Amino acid sequence: MADFTIWQATSFASKSDVYNTVGCFTRAIKNIVTALFAINELYTIGDKRAIEILEQSKNKPINLAEKIDSILCADKNMLTDGVVRLKELFDETVELAPGRYQPYYKLYRGFDTLLNM
């Protein structure tokens, strides 16, 4: 689901649509956090300490909390950069589970073109 949401965020960001882009950021990060809990074979009851718990886990992207904070601190003029950082975080998460993630769609054909609109 994060993959599809990031793809949607690309289109929203290219239109400077803050509301929908930031909504996509939040949704995709929630999906990534859930995947990271699964990769680490952890279970969380809620979101309050999720990032703190993941920071202590073995399998996580480097500087996870900082990356999430930088994505969620959106600036209308930097939405496209946020999408790029989110896609990088997604890719890092996929690399932590080699062979387990199989994309359903090929969504990123033209990704660079959309970001340069």
PDB file of N, CA and C in Angstrom:
ATOM      1  N   MET A   1       0.805  -1.197   0.000  1.00  0.00           N
ATOM      2  CA  MET A   1       0.000   0.000   0.000  1.00  0.00           C
ATOM      3  C   MET A   1       0.852   1.266   0.000  1.00  0.00           C
ATOM      4  N   ALA A   2       2.002   1.223   0.669  1.00  0.00           N
ATOM      5  CA  ALA A   2       2.875   2.405   0.692  1.00  0.00           C
ATOM      6  C   ALA A   2       3.322   2.773  -0.714  1.00  0.00           C
ATOM      7  N   ASP A   3       3.632   1.776  -1.500  1.00  0.00           N
ATOM      8  CA  ASP A   3       4.090   1.983  -2.871  1.00  0.00           C
ATOM      9  C   ASP A   3       3.049   2.778  -3.670  1.00  0.00           C
ATOM     10  N   PHE A   4       1.800   2.361  -3.608  1.00  0.00           N
ATOM     11  CA  PHE A   4       0.719   3.028  -4.320  1.00  0.00           C
ATOM     12  C   PHE A   4       0.507   4.452  -3.792  1.00  0.00           C
ATOM     13  N   THR A   5       0.597   4.614  -2.487  1.00  0.00           N
ATOM     14  CA  THR A   5       0.395   5.924  -1.870  1.00  0.00           C
ATOM     15  C   THR A   5       1.502   6.897  -2.266  1.00  0.00           C
ATOM     16  N   ILE A   6       2.740   6.421  -2.337  1.00  0.00           N
ATOM     17  CA  ILE A   6       3.851   7.276  -2.774  1.00  0.00           C
ATOM     18  C   ILE A   6       3.650   7.693  -4.224  1.00  0.00           C
ATOM     19  N   TRP A   7       3.190   6.780  -5.024  1.00  0.00           N
ATOM     20  CA  TRP A   7       2.895   7.087  -6.428  1.00  0.00           C
ATOM     21  C   TRP A   7       1.847   8.206  -6.518  1.00  0.00           C
ATOM     22  N   GLN A   8       0.808   8.124  -5.689  1.00  0.00           N
ATOM     23  CA  GLN A   8      -0.206   9.179  -5.672  1.00  0.00           C
ATOM     24  C   GLN A   8       0.376  10.501  -5.180  1.00  0.00           C
ATOM     25  N   ALA A   9       1.231  10.439  -4.165  1.00  0.00           N
ATOM     26  CA  ALA A   9       1.845  11.651  -3.614  1.00  0.00           C
ATOM     27  C   ALA A   9       2.641  12.398  -4.676  1.00  0.00           C
ATOM     28  N   THR A  10       3.243  11.666  -5.585  1.00  0.00           N
ATOM     29  CA  THR A  10       4.013  12.277  -6.664  1.00  0.00           C
ATOM     30  C   THR A  10       3.146  13.227  -7.478  1.00  0.00           C
ATOM     31  N   SER A  11       1.965  12.766  -7.832  1.00  0.00           N
ATOM     32  CA  SER A  11       1.045  13.588  -8.617  1.00  0.00           C
ATOM     33  C   SER A  11       0.564  14.800  -7.818  1.00  0.00           C
ATOM     34  N   PHE A  12       0.194  14.583  -6.562  1.00  0.00           N
ATOM     35  CA  PHE A  12      -0.277  15.691  -5.720  1.00  0.00           C
ATOM     36  C   PHE A  12       0.819  16.738  -5.521  1.00  0.00           C
ATOM     37  N   ALA A  13       2.050  16.281  -5.272  1.00  0.00           N
ATOM     38  CA  ALA A  13       3.162  17.207  -5.041  1.00  0.00           C
ATOM     39  C   ALA A  13       3.446  18.040  -6.282  1.00  0.00           C
ATOM     40  N   SER A  14       3.334  17.435  -7.457  1.00  0.00           N
ATOM     41  CA  SER A  14       3.602  18.171  -8.695  1.00  0.00           C
ATOM     42  C   SER A  14       2.591  19.291  -8.911  1.00  0.00           C
ATOM     43  N   LYS A  15       1.436  19.215  -8.216  1.00  0.00           N
ATOM     44  CA  LYS A  15       0.394  20.245  -8.309  1.00  0.00           C
ATOM     45  C   LYS A  15       0.408  21.169  -7.094  1.00  0.00           C
ATOM     46  N   SER A  16       1.416  21.019  -6.222  1.00  0.00           N
ATOM     47  CA  SER A  16       1.517  21.790  -4.973  1.00  0.00           C
ATOM     48  C   SER A  16       0.283  21.620  -4.094  1.00  0.00           C
ATOM     49  N   ASP A  17      -0.306  20.439  -4.114  1.00  0.00           N
ATOM     50  CA  ASP A  17      -1.483  20.114  -3.310  1.00  0.00           C
ATOM     51  C   ASP A  17      -1.013  19.625  -1.934  1.00  0.00           C
ATOM     52  N   VAL A  18      -0.874  20.562  -0.997  1.00  0.00           N
ATOM     53  CA  VAL A  18      -0.331  20.255   0.322  1.00  0.00           C
ATOM     54  C   VAL A  18      -1.207  19.246   1.065  1.00  0.00           C
ATOM     55  N   TYR A  19      -2.494  19.478   1.101  1.00  0.00           N
ATOM     56  CA  TYR A  19      -3.411  18.627   1.860  1.00  0.00           C
ATOM     57  C   TYR A  19      -3.274  17.154   1.467  1.00  0.00           C
ATOM     58  N   ASN A  20      -3.379  16.863   0.199  1.00  0.00           N
ATOM     59  CA  ASN A  20      -3.330  15.469  -0.241  1.00  0.00           C
ATOM     60  C   ASN A  20      -1.918  14.893  -0.211  1.00  0.00           C
ATOM     61  N   THR A  21      -0.908  15.711  -0.475  1.00  0.00           N
ATOM     62  CA  THR A  21       0.468  15.209  -0.425  1.00  0.00           C
ATOM     63  C   THR A  21       0.827  14.801   0.994  1.00  0.00           C
ATOM     64  N   VAL A  22       0.553  15.672   1.956  1.00  0.00           N
ATOM     65  CA  VAL A  22       0.882  15.368   3.349  1.00  0.00           C
ATOM     66  C   VAL A  22       0.049  14.190   3.847  1.00  0.00           C
ATOM     67  N   GLY A  23      -1.184  14.089   3.397  1.00  0.00           N
ATOM     68  CA  GLY A  23      -1.997  12.916   3.733  1.00  0.00           C
ATOM     69  C   GLY A  23      -1.350  11.634   3.235  1.00  0.00           C
ATOM     70  N   CYS A  24      -0.814  11.688   2.023  1.00  0.00           N
ATOM     71  CA  CYS A  24      -0.102  10.521   1.472  1.00  0.00           C
ATOM     72  C   CYS A  24       1.158  10.223   2.270  1.00  0.00           C
ATOM     73  N   PHE A  25       1.886  11.278   2.668  1.00  0.00           N
ATOM     74  CA  PHE A  25       3.093  11.072   3.475  1.00  0.00           C
ATOM     75  C   PHE A  25       2.741  10.294   4.745  1.00  0.00           C
ATOM     76  N   THR A  26       1.712  10.755   5.430  1.00  0.00           N
ATOM     77  CA  THR A  26       1.320  10.128   6.691  1.00  0.00           C
ATOM     78  C   THR A  26       0.900   8.677   6.484  1.00  0.00           C
ATOM     79  N   ARG A  27       0.087   8.458   5.483  1.00  0.00           N
ATOM     80  CA  ARG A  27      -0.394   7.096   5.215  1.00  0.00           C
ATOM     81  C   ARG A  27       0.757   6.156   4.842  1.00  0.00           C
ATOM     82  N   ALA A  28       1.635   6.606   3.954  1.00  0.00           N
ATOM     83  CA  ALA A  28       2.746   5.759   3.517  1.00  0.00           C
ATOM     84  C   ALA A  28       3.703   5.465   4.670  1.00  0.00           C
ATOM     85  N   ILE A  29       3.984   6.472   5.494  1.00  0.00           N
ATOM     86  CA  ILE A  29       4.877   6.245   6.631  1.00  0.00           C
ATOM     87  C   ILE A  29       4.249   5.260   7.606  1.00  0.00           C
ATOM     88  N   LYS A  30       2.965   5.346   7.826  1.00  0.00           N
ATOM     89  CA  LYS A  30       2.286   4.378   8.693  1.00  0.00           C
ATOM     90  C   LYS A  30       2.464   2.962   8.134  1.00  0.00           C
ATOM     91  N   ASN A  31       2.332   2.809   6.829  1.00  0.00           N
ATOM     92  CA  ASN A  31       2.526   1.496   6.204  1.00  0.00           C
ATOM     93  C   ASN A  31       3.972   1.024   6.337  1.00  0.00           C
ATOM     94  N   ILE A  32       4.910   1.924   6.172  1.00  0.00           N
ATOM     95  CA  ILE A  32       6.327   1.580   6.307  1.00  0.00           C
ATOM     96  C   ILE A  32       6.637   1.167   7.739  1.00  0.00           C
ATOM     97  N   VAL A  33       6.110   1.904   8.707  1.00  0.00           N
ATOM     98  CA  VAL A  33       6.313   1.568  10.126  1.00  0.00           C
ATOM     99  C   VAL A  33       5.749   0.183  10.425  1.00  0.00           C
ATOM    100  N   THR A  34       4.575  -0.104   9.914  1.00  0.00           N
ATOM    101  CA  THR A  34       3.969  -1.423  10.107  1.00  0.00           C
ATOM    102  C   THR A  34       4.856  -2.512   9.498  1.00  0.00           C
ATOM    103  N   ALA A  35       5.375  -2.260   8.304  1.00  0.00           N
ATOM    104  CA  ALA A  35       6.266  -3.237   7.655  1.00  0.00           C
ATOM    105  C   ALA A  35       7.535  -3.440   8.467  1.00  0.00           C
ATOM    106  N   LEU A  36       8.079  -2.369   9.021  1.00  0.00           N
ATOM    107  CA  LEU A  36       9.289  -2.493   9.830  1.00  0.00           C
ATOM    108  C   LEU A  36       9.046  -3.309  11.094  1.00  0.00           C
ATOM    109  N   PHE A  37       7.875  -3.161  11.692  1.00  0.00           N
ATOM    110  CA  PHE A  37       7.540  -4.005  12.848  1.00  0.00           C
ATOM    111  C   PHE A  37       7.500  -5.472  12.424  1.00  0.00           C
ATOM    112  N   ALA A  38       6.919  -5.744  11.277  1.00  0.00           N
ATOM    113  CA  ALA A  38       6.855  -7.126  10.791  1.00  0.00           C
ATOM    114  C   ALA A  38       8.252  -7.670  10.486  1.00  0.00           C
ATOM    115  N   ILE A  39       9.077  -6.876   9.829  1.00  0.00           N
ATOM    116  CA  ILE A  39      10.437  -7.300   9.503  1.00  0.00           C
ATOM    117  C   ILE A  39      11.204  -7.653  10.770  1.00  0.00           C
ATOM    118  N   ASN A  40      10.964  -6.903  11.837  1.00  0.00           N
ATOM    119  CA  ASN A  40      11.650  -7.136  13.108  1.00  0.00           C
ATOM    120  C   ASN A  40      10.918  -8.118  14.016  1.00  0.00           C
ATOM    121  N   GLU A  41       9.818  -8.680  13.512  1.00  0.00           N
ATOM    122  CA  GLU A  41       9.003  -9.622  14.275  1.00  0.00           C
ATOM    123  C   GLU A  41       8.596  -9.034  15.621  1.00  0.00           C
ATOM    124  N   LEU A  42       8.134  -7.779  15.560  1.00  0.00           N
ATOM    125  CA  LEU A  42       7.657  -7.063  16.739  1.00  0.00           C
ATOM    126  C   LEU A  42       6.183  -6.747  16.561  1.00  0.00           C
ATOM    127  N   TYR A  43       5.534  -6.485  17.661  1.00  0.00           N
ATOM    128  CA  TYR A  43       4.125  -6.097  17.631  1.00  0.00           C
ATOM    129  C   TYR A  43       3.954  -4.889  18.523  1.00  0.00           C
ATOM    130  N   THR A  44       3.251  -3.899  18.032  1.00  0.00           N
ATOM    131  CA  THR A  44       2.968  -2.726  18.849  1.00  0.00           C
ATOM    132  C   THR A  44       1.467  -2.572  18.997  1.00  0.00           C
ATOM    133  N   ILE A  45       1.064  -2.136  20.150  1.00  0.00           N
ATOM    134  CA  ILE A  45      -0.363  -1.939  20.410  1.00  0.00           C
ATOM    135  C   ILE A  45      -0.826  -0.609  19.833  1.00  0.00           C
ATOM    136  N   GLY A  46       0.038   0.364  19.777  1.00  0.00           N
ATOM    137  CA  GLY A  46      -0.352   1.680  19.270  1.00  0.00           C
ATOM    138  C   GLY A  46       0.830   2.393  18.642  1.00  0.00           C
ATOM    139  N   ASP A  47       0.580   3.646  18.247  1.00  0.00           N
ATOM    140  CA  ASP A  47       1.590   4.433  17.552  1.00  0.00           C
ATOM    141  C   ASP A  47       2.440   5.305  18.468  1.00  0.00           C
ATOM    142  N   LYS A  48       2.036   5.467  19.710  1.00  0.00           N
ATOM    143  CA  LYS A  48       2.697   6.441  20.581  1.00  0.00           C
ATOM    144  C   LYS A  48       4.198   6.235  20.706  1.00  0.00           C
ATOM    145  N   ARG A  49       4.651   5.023  20.786  1.00  0.00           N
ATOM    146  CA  ARG A  49       6.080   4.738  20.946  1.00  0.00           C
ATOM    147  C   ARG A  49       6.659   3.981  19.751  1.00  0.00           C
ATOM    148  N   ALA A  50       5.936   3.919  18.667  1.00  0.00           N
ATOM    149  CA  ALA A  50       6.344   3.088  17.528  1.00  0.00           C
ATOM    150  C   ALA A  50       7.735   3.443  17.004  1.00  0.00           C
ATOM    151  N   ILE A  51       7.999   4.715  16.787  1.00  0.00           N
ATOM    152  CA  ILE A  51       9.287   5.115  16.230  1.00  0.00           C
ATOM    153  C   ILE A  51      10.397   4.851  17.248  1.00  0.00           C
ATOM    154  N   GLU A  52      10.130   5.147  18.498  1.00  0.00           N
ATOM    155  CA  GLU A  52      11.109   4.890  19.565  1.00  0.00           C
ATOM    156  C   GLU A  52      11.459   3.400  19.633  1.00  0.00           C
ATOM    157  N   ILE A  53      10.467   2.552  19.531  1.00  0.00           N
ATOM    158  CA  ILE A  53      10.693   1.097  19.556  1.00  0.00           C
ATOM    159  C   ILE A  53      11.495   0.670  18.333  1.00  0.00           C
ATOM    160  N   LEU A  54      11.121   1.177  17.166  1.00  0.00           N
ATOM    161  CA  LEU A  54      11.841   0.809  15.940  1.00  0.00           C
ATOM    162  C   LEU A  54      13.282   1.299  15.958  1.00  0.00           C
ATOM    163  N   GLU A  55      13.535   2.453  16.563  1.00  0.00           N
ATOM    164  CA  GLU A  55      14.913   2.957  16.654  1.00  0.00           C
ATOM    165  C   GLU A  55      15.803   1.994  17.430  1.00  0.00           C
ATOM    166  N   GLN A  56      15.211   1.202  18.322  1.00  0.00           N
ATOM    167  CA  GLN A  56      15.969   0.229  19.114  1.00  0.00           C
ATOM    168  C   GLN A  56      16.051  -1.140  18.429  1.00  0.00           C
ATOM    169  N   SER A  57      15.358  -1.296  17.315  1.00  0.00           N
ATOM    170  CA  SER A  57      15.313  -2.592  16.635  1.00  0.00           C
ATOM    171  C   SER A  57      16.546  -2.790  15.751  1.00  0.00           C
ATOM    172  N   LYS A  58      16.759  -4.020  15.374  1.00  0.00           N
ATOM    173  CA  LYS A  58      17.936  -4.393  14.591  1.00  0.00           C
ATOM    174  C   LYS A  58      17.814  -3.990  13.116  1.00  0.00           C
ATOM    175  N   ASN A  59      16.663  -4.234  12.525  1.00  0.00           N
ATOM    176  CA  ASN A  59      16.460  -4.029  11.092  1.00  0.00           C
ATOM    177  C   ASN A  59      15.641  -2.776  10.840  1.00  0.00           C
ATOM    178  N   LYS A  60      16.338  -1.707  10.505  1.00  0.00           N
ATOM    179  CA  LYS A  60      15.667  -0.439  10.232  1.00  0.00           C
ATOM    180  C   LYS A  60      16.550   0.419   9.346  1.00  0.00           C
ATOM    181  N   PRO A  61      15.968   1.341   8.608  1.00  0.00           N
ATOM    182  CA  PRO A  61      16.773   2.298   7.860  1.00  0.00           C
ATOM    183  C   PRO A  61      17.594   3.157   8.836  1.00  0.00           C
ATOM    184  N   ILE A  62      18.781   3.536   8.445  1.00  0.00           N
ATOM    185  CA  ILE A  62      19.622   4.413   9.268  1.00  0.00           C
ATOM    186  C   ILE A  62      18.920   5.757   9.444  1.00  0.00           C
ATOM    187  N   ASN A  63      18.968   6.287  10.663  1.00  0.00           N
ATOM    188  CA  ASN A  63      18.357   7.584  10.995  1.00  0.00           C
ATOM    189  C   ASN A  63      16.853   7.608  10.696  1.00  0.00           C
ATOM    190  N   LEU A  64      16.178   6.547  11.030  1.00  0.00           N
ATOM    191  CA  LEU A  64      14.750   6.418  10.732  1.00  0.00           C
ATOM    192  C   LEU A  64      13.936   7.600  11.241  1.00  0.00           C
ATOM    193  N   ALA A  65      14.061   7.929  12.518  1.00  0.00           N
ATOM    194  CA  ALA A  65      13.252   9.011  13.104  1.00  0.00           C
ATOM    195  C   ALA A  65      13.517  10.336  12.397  1.00  0.00           C
ATOM    196  N   GLU A  66      14.774  10.627  12.116  1.00  0.00           N
ATOM    197  CA  GLU A  66      15.115  11.874  11.422  1.00  0.00           C
ATOM    198  C   GLU A  66      14.506  11.916  10.022  1.00  0.00           C
ATOM    199  N   LYS A  67      14.536  10.789   9.327  1.00  0.00           N
ATOM    200  CA  LYS A  67      13.968  10.731   7.981  1.00  0.00           C
ATOM    201  C   LYS A  67      12.463  10.954   8.021  1.00  0.00           C
ATOM    202  N   ILE A  68      11.798  10.325   8.968  1.00  0.00           N
ATOM    203  CA  ILE A  68      10.353  10.500   9.097  1.00  0.00           C
ATOM    204  C   ILE A  68      10.025  11.945   9.421  1.00  0.00           C
ATOM    205  N   ASP A  69      10.749  12.529  10.374  1.00  0.00           N
ATOM    206  CA  ASP A  69      10.509  13.930  10.736  1.00  0.00           C
ATOM    207  C   ASP A  69      10.695  14.854   9.544  1.00  0.00           C
ATOM    208  N   SER A  70      11.739  14.623   8.751  1.00  0.00           N
ATOM    209  CA  SER A  70      11.998  15.515   7.618  1.00  0.00           C
ATOM    210  C   SER A  70      10.919  15.386   6.539  1.00  0.00           C
ATOM    211  N   ILE A  71      10.358  14.215   6.401  1.00  0.00           N
ATOM    212  CA  ILE A  71       9.282  14.022   5.420  1.00  0.00           C
ATOM    213  C   ILE A  71       7.999  14.692   5.894  1.00  0.00           C
ATOM    214  N   LEU A  72       7.675  14.521   7.159  1.00  0.00           N
ATOM    215  CA  LEU A  72       6.413  15.038   7.676  1.00  0.00           C
ATOM    216  C   LEU A  72       6.419  16.547   7.927  1.00  0.00           C
ATOM    217  N   CYS A  73       7.581  17.160   8.044  1.00  0.00           N
ATOM    218  CA  CYS A  73       7.663  18.616   8.208  1.00  0.00           C
ATOM    219  C   CYS A  73       7.615  19.241   6.823  1.00  0.00           C
ATOM    220  N   ALA A  74       6.445  19.235   6.248  1.00  0.00           N
ATOM    221  CA  ALA A  74       6.272  19.631   4.857  1.00  0.00           C
ATOM    222  C   ALA A  74       6.265  21.148   4.694  1.00  0.00           C
ATOM    223  N   ASP A  75       6.893  21.577   3.635  1.00  0.00           N
ATOM    224  CA  ASP A  75       6.894  22.960   3.195  1.00  0.00           C
ATOM    225  C   ASP A  75       6.295  22.928   1.787  1.00  0.00           C
ATOM    226  N   LYS A  76       5.350  23.798   1.518  1.00  0.00           N
ATOM    227  CA  LYS A  76       4.663  23.780   0.224  1.00  0.00           C
ATOM    228  C   LYS A  76       5.649  23.808  -0.948  1.00  0.00           C
ATOM    229  N   ASN A  77       6.769  24.478  -0.776  1.00  0.00           N
ATOM    230  CA  ASN A  77       7.759  24.590  -1.845  1.00  0.00           C
ATOM    231  C   ASN A  77       8.698  23.393  -1.912  1.00  0.00           C
ATOM    232  N   MET A  78       8.557  22.470  -0.957  1.00  0.00           N
ATOM    233  CA  MET A  78       9.464  21.326  -0.886  1.00  0.00           C
ATOM    234  C   MET A  78       8.720  19.988  -0.946  1.00  0.00           C
ATOM    235  N   LEU A  79       7.487  19.984  -1.406  1.00  0.00           N
ATOM    236  CA  LEU A  79       6.693  18.754  -1.430  1.00  0.00           C
ATOM    237  C   LEU A  79       7.343  17.671  -2.282  1.00  0.00           C
ATOM    238  N   THR A  80       7.866  18.052  -3.427  1.00  0.00           N
ATOM    239  CA  THR A  80       8.498  17.071  -4.314  1.00  0.00           C
ATOM    240  C   THR A  80       9.716  16.441  -3.639  1.00  0.00           C
ATOM    241  N   ASP A  81      10.487  17.244  -2.913  1.00  0.00           N
ATOM    242  CA  ASP A  81      11.627  16.704  -2.174  1.00  0.00           C
ATOM    243  C   ASP A  81      11.164  15.702  -1.123  1.00  0.00           C
ATOM    244  N   GLY A  82      10.030  15.998  -0.486  1.00  0.00           N
ATOM    245  CA  GLY A  82       9.468  15.065   0.495  1.00  0.00           C
ATOM    246  C   GLY A  82       9.092  13.742  -0.137  1.00  0.00           C
ATOM    247  N   VAL A  83       8.540  13.798  -1.343  1.00  0.00           N
ATOM    248  CA  VAL A  83       8.188  12.564  -2.055  1.00  0.00           C
ATOM    249  C   VAL A  83       9.449  11.757  -2.350  1.00  0.00           C
ATOM    250  N   VAL A  84      10.492  12.429  -2.774  1.00  0.00           N
ATOM    251  CA  VAL A  84      11.758  11.741  -3.074  1.00  0.00           C
ATOM    252  C   VAL A  84      12.292  11.076  -1.807  1.00  0.00           C
ATOM    253  N   ARG A  85      12.302  11.793  -0.682  1.00  0.00           N
ATOM    254  CA  ARG A  85      12.787  11.217   0.583  1.00  0.00           C
ATOM    255  C   ARG A  85      11.914  10.051   1.020  1.00  0.00           C
ATOM    256  N   LEU A  86      10.606  10.159   0.819  1.00  0.00           N
ATOM    257  CA  LEU A  86       9.685   9.076   1.172  1.00  0.00           C
ATOM    258  C   LEU A  86       9.946   7.845   0.313  1.00  0.00           C
ATOM    259  N   LYS A  87      10.157   8.044  -0.978  1.00  0.00           N
ATOM    260  CA  LYS A  87      10.461   6.917  -1.873  1.00  0.00           C
ATOM    261  C   LYS A  87      11.775   6.251  -1.459  1.00  0.00           C
ATOM    262  N   GLU A  88      12.764   7.046  -1.071  1.00  0.00           N
ATOM    263  CA  GLU A  88      14.040   6.484  -0.605  1.00  0.00           C
ATOM    264  C   GLU A  88      13.848   5.657   0.667  1.00  0.00           C
ATOM    265  N   LEU A  89      13.028   6.169   1.606  1.00  0.00           N
ATOM    266  CA  LEU A  89      12.752   5.426   2.839  1.00  0.00           C
ATOM    267  C   LEU A  89      12.029   4.118   2.522  1.00  0.00           C
ATOM    268  N   PHE A  90      11.088   4.169   1.606  1.00  0.00           N
ATOM    269  CA  PHE A  90      10.381   2.969   1.170  1.00  0.00           C
ATOM    270  C   PHE A  90      11.368   1.953   0.589  1.00  0.00           C
ATOM    271  N   ASP A  91      12.239   2.421  -0.296  1.00  0.00           N
ATOM    272  CA  ASP A  91      13.218   1.521  -0.926  1.00  0.00           C
ATOM    273  C   ASP A  91      14.156   0.901   0.113  1.00  0.00           C
ATOM    274  N   GLU A  92      14.582   1.683   1.099  1.00  0.00           N
ATOM    275  CA  GLU A  92      15.433   1.154   2.170  1.00  0.00           C
ATOM    276  C   GLU A  92      14.699   0.070   2.955  1.00  0.00           C
ATOM    277  N   THR A  93      13.420   0.280   3.195  1.00  0.00           N
ATOM    278  CA  THR A  93      12.621  -0.696   3.935  1.00  0.00           C
ATOM    279  C   THR A  93      12.477  -1.984   3.135  1.00  0.00           C
ATOM    280  N   VAL A  94      12.225  -1.864   1.846  1.00  0.00           N
ATOM    281  CA  VAL A  94      12.119  -3.048   0.979  1.00  0.00           C
ATOM    282  C   VAL A  94      13.430  -3.837   1.001  1.00  0.00           C
ATOM    283  N   GLU A  95      14.557  -3.137   1.000  1.00  0.00           N
ATOM    284  CA  GLU A  95      15.864  -3.814   1.030  1.00  0.00           C
ATOM    285  C   GLU A  95      16.076  -4.616   2.309  1.00  0.00           C
ATOM    286  N   LEU A  96      15.383  -4.258   3.388  1.00  0.00           N
ATOM    287  CA  LEU A  96      15.511  -4.985   4.660  1.00  0.00           C
ATOM    288  C   LEU A  96      14.791  -6.330   4.630  1.00  0.00           C
ATOM    289  N   ALA A  97      13.978  -6.545   3.617  1.00  0.00           N
ATOM    290  CA  ALA A  97      13.228  -7.803   3.490  1.00  0.00           C
ATOM    291  C   ALA A  97      13.442  -8.370   2.090  1.00  0.00           C
ATOM    292  N   PRO A  98      14.668  -8.782   1.787  1.00  0.00           N
ATOM    293  CA  PRO A  98      14.971  -9.221   0.417  1.00  0.00           C
ATOM    294  C   PRO A  98      14.045 -10.336  -0.073  1.00  0.00           C
ATOM    295  N   GLY A  99      13.473 -10.094  -1.237  1.00  0.00           N
ATOM    296  CA  GLY A  99      12.618 -11.093  -1.875  1.00  0.00           C
ATOM    297  C   GLY A  99      11.209 -11.192  -1.329  1.00  0.00           C
ATOM    298  N   ARG A 100      10.918 -10.510  -0.235  1.00  0.00           N
ATOM    299  CA  ARG A 100       9.571 -10.624   0.361  1.00  0.00           C
ATOM    300  C   ARG A 100       8.557  -9.682  -0.261  1.00  0.00           C
ATOM    301  N   TYR A 101       9.019  -8.529  -0.751  1.00  0.00           N
ATOM    302  CA  TYR A 101       8.090  -7.572  -1.346  1.00  0.00           C
ATOM    303  C   TYR A 101       8.069  -7.754  -2.848  1.00  0.00           C
ATOM    304  N   GLN A 102       6.890  -7.962  -3.372  1.00  0.00           N
ATOM    305  CA  GLN A 102       6.698  -8.063  -4.818  1.00  0.00           C
ATOM    306  C   GLN A 102       5.651  -7.032  -5.218  1.00  0.00           C
ATOM    307  N   PRO A 103       6.057  -5.976  -5.933  1.00  0.00           N
ATOM    308  CA  PRO A 103       5.080  -4.946  -6.312  1.00  0.00           C
ATOM    309  C   PRO A 103       3.979  -5.520  -7.197  1.00  0.00           C
ATOM    310  N   TYR A 104       2.778  -5.067  -6.954  1.00  0.00           N
ATOM    311  CA  TYR A 104       1.633  -5.516  -7.727  1.00  0.00           C
ATOM    312  C   TYR A 104       1.571  -4.783  -9.068  1.00  0.00           C
ATOM    313  N   TYR A 105       1.943  -3.516  -9.047  1.00  0.00           N
ATOM    314  CA  TYR A 105       1.935  -2.695 -10.261  1.00  0.00           C
ATOM    315  C   TYR A 105       3.327  -2.125 -10.493  1.00  0.00           C
ATOM    316  N   LYS A 106       3.626  -1.762 -11.734  1.00  0.00           N
ATOM    317  CA  LYS A 106       4.852  -1.037 -12.051  1.00  0.00           C
ATOM    318  C   LYS A 106       4.493   0.442 -12.089  1.00  0.00           C
ATOM    319  N   LEU A 107       4.550   1.068 -10.927  1.00  0.00           N
ATOM    320  CA  LEU A 107       4.032   2.423 -10.777  1.00  0.00           C
ATOM    321  C   LEU A 107       5.021   3.521 -11.113  1.00  0.00           C
ATOM    322  N   TYR A 108       6.291   3.253 -11.080  1.00  0.00           N
ATOM    323  CA  TYR A 108       7.249   4.339 -11.134  1.00  0.00           C
ATOM    324  C   TYR A 108       7.818   4.622 -12.507  1.00  0.00           C
ATOM    325  N   ARG A 109       7.237   4.052 -13.544  1.00  0.00           N
ATOM    326  CA  ARG A 109       7.645   4.466 -14.880  1.00  0.00           C
ATOM    327  C   ARG A 109       7.298   5.943 -15.018  1.00  0.00           C
ATOM    328  N   GLY A 110       8.255   6.746 -15.345  1.00  0.00           N
ATOM    329  CA  GLY A 110       7.994   8.175 -15.476  1.00  0.00           C
ATOM    330  C   GLY A 110       8.059   8.933 -14.162  1.00  0.00           C
ATOM    331  N   PHE A 111       8.554   8.299 -13.107  1.00  0.00           N
ATOM    332  CA  PHE A 111       8.642   8.939 -11.787  1.00  0.00           C
ATOM    333  C   PHE A 111       9.410  10.251 -11.876  1.00  0.00           C
ATOM    334  N   ASP A 112      10.569  10.234 -12.543  1.00  0.00           N
ATOM    335  CA  ASP A 112      11.379  11.433 -12.673  1.00  0.00           C
ATOM    336  C   ASP A 112      10.641  12.521 -13.448  1.00  0.00           C
ATOM    337  N   THR A 113       9.901  12.138 -14.456  1.00  0.00           N
ATOM    338  CA  THR A 113       9.148  13.100 -15.251  1.00  0.00           C
ATOM    339  C   THR A 113       8.084  13.785 -14.407  1.00  0.00           C
ATOM    340  N   LEU A 114       7.364  13.008 -13.609  1.00  0.00           N
ATOM    341  CA  LEU A 114       6.343  13.593 -12.740  1.00  0.00           C
ATOM    342  C   LEU A 114       6.946  14.560 -11.738  1.00  0.00           C
ATOM    343  N   LEU A 115       8.102  14.226 -11.204  1.00  0.00           N
ATOM    344  CA  LEU A 115       8.726  15.085 -10.207  1.00  0.00           C
ATOM    345  C   LEU A 115       9.264  16.374 -10.794  1.00  0.00           C
ATOM    346  N   ASN A 116       9.498  16.390 -12.079  1.00  0.00           N
ATOM    347  CA  ASN A 116      10.044  17.593 -12.718  1.00  0.00           C
ATOM    348  C   ASN A 116       8.975  18.459 -13.363  1.00  0.00           C
ATOM    349  N   MET A 117       7.736  18.193 -13.105  1.00  0.00           N
ATOM    350  CA  MET A 117       6.653  18.973 -13.714  1.00  0.00           C
ATOM    351  C   MET A 117       6.557  20.333 -13.063  1.00  0.00           C
TER     352      MET A 117
END
